[in-house]
Protein backbone atom coordinates (compact mmCIF):
# COMPACT_ATOMS: atom_id res chain seq x y z
CA MET A 1 56.39 64.40 148.09
CA ILE A 2 59.95 64.61 149.43
CA GLU A 3 61.03 62.72 152.43
CA LYS A 4 62.89 64.26 155.08
CA ILE A 5 65.83 63.35 157.38
CA THR A 6 66.52 64.54 161.20
CA LEU A 7 70.26 64.85 161.84
CA GLU A 8 71.52 65.30 165.06
CA ASN A 9 75.28 66.94 165.09
CA PRO A 10 77.37 66.23 167.88
CA ASN A 11 77.13 69.38 169.71
CA GLY A 12 73.15 68.24 169.80
CA GLU A 13 72.22 70.69 167.17
CA LYS A 14 69.54 69.49 164.64
CA GLU A 15 69.09 69.86 161.40
CA GLU A 16 66.31 68.69 158.57
CA LYS A 17 67.56 67.74 155.28
CA ASN A 18 65.91 66.72 151.97
CA VAL A 19 66.53 62.94 151.36
CA ILE A 20 67.94 62.77 147.43
CA CYS A 21 68.54 59.27 148.13
CA HIS A 22 70.00 56.26 150.40
CA PHE A 23 71.64 52.73 149.22
CA VAL A 24 73.70 50.19 150.58
CA SER A 25 75.78 48.51 147.86
CA VAL A 26 76.41 44.79 148.29
CA GLU A 27 79.47 44.38 145.57
CA ASP A 28 82.36 42.72 146.52
CA SER A 29 84.82 44.86 144.60
CA LEU A 30 83.63 48.14 146.59
CA PRO A 31 84.99 46.56 150.26
CA ASN A 32 85.66 49.56 151.82
CA ILE A 33 81.44 50.76 151.79
CA LYS A 34 79.82 46.67 151.06
CA ASN A 35 76.78 46.46 153.44
CA VAL A 36 77.19 49.72 154.69
CA PRO A 37 74.12 52.55 154.35
CA ILE A 38 74.99 55.55 152.44
CA LEU A 39 72.81 58.59 152.82
CA VAL A 40 72.74 61.57 150.31
CA VAL A 41 71.03 65.24 151.18
CA ASP A 42 70.82 68.19 149.84
CA SER A 43 72.71 70.44 151.27
CA ASN A 44 70.70 73.68 150.47
CA GLN A 45 73.14 75.69 148.17
CA LEU A 46 74.17 76.03 145.09
CA ASN A 47 77.52 76.18 143.07
CA ASN A 48 77.60 77.77 139.59
CA GLY A 49 73.84 77.27 139.33
CA ASN A 50 74.08 72.87 140.79
CA ASN A 51 72.49 71.96 143.42
CA VAL A 52 75.24 70.96 146.26
CA LEU A 53 74.85 67.37 147.82
CA GLU A 54 76.16 66.37 151.21
CA PHE A 55 76.87 62.31 151.41
CA TYR A 56 76.58 60.89 154.92
CA TRP A 57 77.71 56.53 155.61
CA GLU A 58 76.33 54.73 158.91
CA LYS A 59 79.37 54.41 161.27
CA ASP A 60 78.58 53.17 164.83
CA GLY A 61 74.98 54.10 164.56
CA LEU A 62 75.18 57.42 163.16
CA TYR A 63 75.37 59.32 160.52
CA GLN A 64 78.54 60.33 159.23
CA PRO A 65 80.77 62.87 157.19
CA ILE A 66 82.44 60.80 155.08
CA LEU A 67 85.99 61.63 155.39
CA ASP A 68 87.98 58.01 154.58
CA GLU A 69 89.17 57.91 150.91
CA ALA A 70 88.90 54.78 149.46
CA ALA A 71 85.14 55.09 151.08
CA TRP A 72 84.52 57.94 149.30
CA ASN A 73 86.24 57.04 145.73
CA GLU A 74 83.93 54.01 145.91
CA ILE A 75 80.69 55.80 146.47
CA LYS A 76 81.52 58.31 144.01
CA LYS A 77 81.75 55.22 140.86
CA VAL A 78 78.36 53.83 142.89
CA ILE A 79 76.91 56.90 142.05
CA ILE A 80 78.05 57.45 138.69
CA ASP A 81 76.92 53.98 137.87
CA ILE A 82 73.34 55.00 139.11
CA ILE A 83 73.51 58.34 137.05
CA LYS A 84 74.96 56.09 133.59
CA ASN A 85 71.74 53.26 135.09
CA GLN A 86 74.27 50.89 134.62
CA PHE A 87 73.90 49.81 138.11
CA GLU A 88 71.78 47.16 139.40
CA VAL A 89 69.50 48.78 141.55
CA VAL A 90 66.94 46.42 143.81
CA GLY A 91 63.73 48.63 144.66
CA GLU A 92 63.90 51.10 142.72
CA ALA A 93 60.66 52.63 142.18
């Protein structure tokens, strides 16, 4: 079963998205995203045959696109570490 989430845009429009994963990093080496919930969802788009993902972080109680360059670089590092299984994941099924 695919987990879904409903996101509401600032204009009030709601979108239902399929959740790929969500995580919170507790690493001191990642200060821009430490203890910040990160949400990865399917955009329902393809690019050269690959699924395009959307990344959001929780700021001020809302999930928002990640516009902070330093935070985005840290998120990419975490995603690569998860893919390569070089990252400790708590609660993984």
